[in-house]
Amino acid sequence: MKVPAAALSILILAATLGSPAHGSLAHESLDADFHHPPDCCLSYTKRKIRCVFMKSYFETTSGCSQPGVIFITKTGQRVCANPQNAKVQRCIMNLKQDAVENLSRSHLIY
């Protein structure tokens, strides 16, 4: 029995637009460190942003329907967050500062 292409497309779309616990992404990747342009936040996490668990982040592109920040946790999970949130902004500043400190430490000559 053949499944019509339209029905198959709807099933695939429904599977990809599920609502993960950490906010909903329009595109998820197995490689958490690689940024794909179509990554968009369809919703933001309702959980508190705990920066201690985050290793990196990137902002969604202007092609997305709403602005977003996607944090990559140390375990490789992606978390969609509202860029207007004060805790999100502080976490971004902390991650930037940590990156600068790590870069300067890696260039120290003993």
Protein backbone atom coordinates (compact mmCIF):
# COMPACT_ATOMS: atom_id res chain seq x y z
CA MET A 1 0.00 0.00 0.00
CA LYS A 2 1.40 3.37 -0.99
CA VAL A 3 1.15 6.39 1.30
CA PRO A 4 0.33 9.58 -0.59
CA ALA A 5 3.20 12.07 -0.62
CA ALA A 6 1.07 14.77 1.03
CA ALA A 7 0.20 12.50 3.97
CA LEU A 8 3.84 11.52 4.38
CA SER A 9 4.90 15.19 4.34
CA ILE A 10 2.36 16.02 7.05
CA LEU A 11 3.60 13.16 9.23
CA ILE A 12 7.21 14.28 8.85
CA LEU A 13 6.28 17.89 9.60
CA ALA A 14 4.31 16.86 12.69
CA ALA A 15 7.25 14.80 13.95
CA THR A 16 9.72 17.67 13.54
CA LEU A 17 7.50 20.29 15.14
CA GLY A 18 7.06 18.47 18.44
CA SER A 19 7.50 20.53 21.58
CA PRO A 20 10.73 19.62 23.37
CA ALA A 21 11.05 20.56 27.04
CA HIS A 22 13.56 23.33 26.32
CA GLY A 23 11.64 25.40 23.79
CA SER A 24 10.78 24.41 20.29
CA LEU A 25 13.27 24.55 17.43
CA ALA A 26 12.29 24.70 13.78
CA HIS A 27 15.39 22.68 12.89
CA GLU A 28 17.37 20.36 15.14
CA SER A 29 20.80 18.98 14.36
CA LEU A 30 22.73 16.02 15.70
CA ASP A 31 25.87 18.16 15.61
CA ALA A 32 25.19 20.70 18.37
CA ASP A 33 28.22 22.85 17.55
CA PHE A 34 27.30 23.50 13.92
CA HIS A 35 24.98 26.40 13.19
CA HIS A 36 22.44 25.87 10.42
CA PRO A 37 20.80 29.07 9.04
CA PRO A 38 17.23 27.71 9.29
CA ASP A 39 17.51 27.30 13.09
CA CYS A 40 14.62 29.25 14.57
CA CYS A 41 12.88 29.27 17.94
CA LEU A 42 9.18 28.55 17.61
CA SER A 43 8.82 29.00 21.38
CA TYR A 44 11.07 29.87 24.31
CA THR A 45 11.95 27.67 27.25
CA LYS A 46 9.82 28.20 30.33
CA ARG A 47 12.67 27.01 32.55
CA LYS A 48 15.20 29.33 34.15
CA ILE A 49 18.37 29.77 32.12
CA ARG A 50 21.19 28.28 34.21
CA CYS A 51 24.30 29.62 32.55
CA VAL A 52 26.57 27.23 34.42
CA PHE A 53 25.22 24.44 32.17
CA MET A 54 25.73 26.34 28.91
CA LYS A 55 28.86 26.06 26.75
CA SER A 56 27.92 28.28 23.79
CA TYR A 57 25.09 30.08 22.05
CA PHE A 58 24.06 31.68 18.79
CA GLU A 59 21.35 34.12 17.83
CA THR A 60 18.71 33.11 15.32
CA THR A 61 18.75 34.81 11.93
CA SER A 62 16.50 37.62 10.75
CA GLY A 63 14.71 35.06 8.58
CA CYS A 64 13.00 33.61 11.65
CA SER A 65 9.50 34.69 12.63
CA GLN A 66 10.68 35.80 16.07
CA PRO A 67 14.10 36.61 17.53
CA GLY A 68 15.77 33.95 19.62
CA VAL A 69 18.94 32.78 21.27
CA ILE A 70 19.81 29.11 21.07
CA PHE A 71 22.07 27.97 23.88
CA ILE A 72 24.06 24.76 23.53
CA THR A 73 24.37 22.98 26.87
CA LYS A 74 27.48 21.12 27.96
CA THR A 75 25.61 17.90 27.19
CA GLY A 76 24.83 19.06 23.64
CA GLN A 77 21.15 19.95 24.08
CA ARG A 78 19.74 23.07 22.45
CA VAL A 79 17.68 25.52 24.46
CA CYS A 80 15.63 28.30 22.85
CA ALA A 81 15.51 31.48 24.89
CA ASN A 82 14.05 34.96 24.63
CA PRO A 83 16.84 37.46 23.84
CA GLN A 84 14.91 40.19 25.71
CA ASN A 85 15.12 38.25 29.00
CA ALA A 86 17.62 39.77 31.47
CA LYS A 87 19.01 36.35 32.54
CA VAL A 88 19.53 35.41 28.89
CA GLN A 89 21.43 38.65 28.28
CA ARG A 90 23.60 38.07 31.39
CA CYS A 91 24.36 34.52 30.29
CA ILE A 92 25.40 35.76 26.84
CA MET A 93 27.74 38.30 28.46
CA ASN A 94 29.19 35.60 30.74
CA LEU A 95 29.78 33.22 27.82
CA LYS A 96 31.48 36.00 25.82
CA GLN A 97 33.69 36.87 28.80
CA ASP A 98 34.57 33.20 29.36
CA ALA A 99 35.51 32.86 25.68
CA VAL A 100 37.83 35.88 25.89
CA GLU A 101 39.44 34.58 29.10
CA ASN A 102 39.94 31.11 27.59
CA LEU A 103 41.49 32.63 24.48
CA SER A 104 43.89 34.77 26.49
CA ARG A 105 44.84 31.79 28.69
CA SER A 106 45.59 29.69 25.62
CA HIS A 107 48.03 32.35 24.38
CA LEU A 108 50.02 32.59 27.62
CA ILE A 109 53.69 31.71 27.27
CA TYR A 110 55.27 29.97 30.23
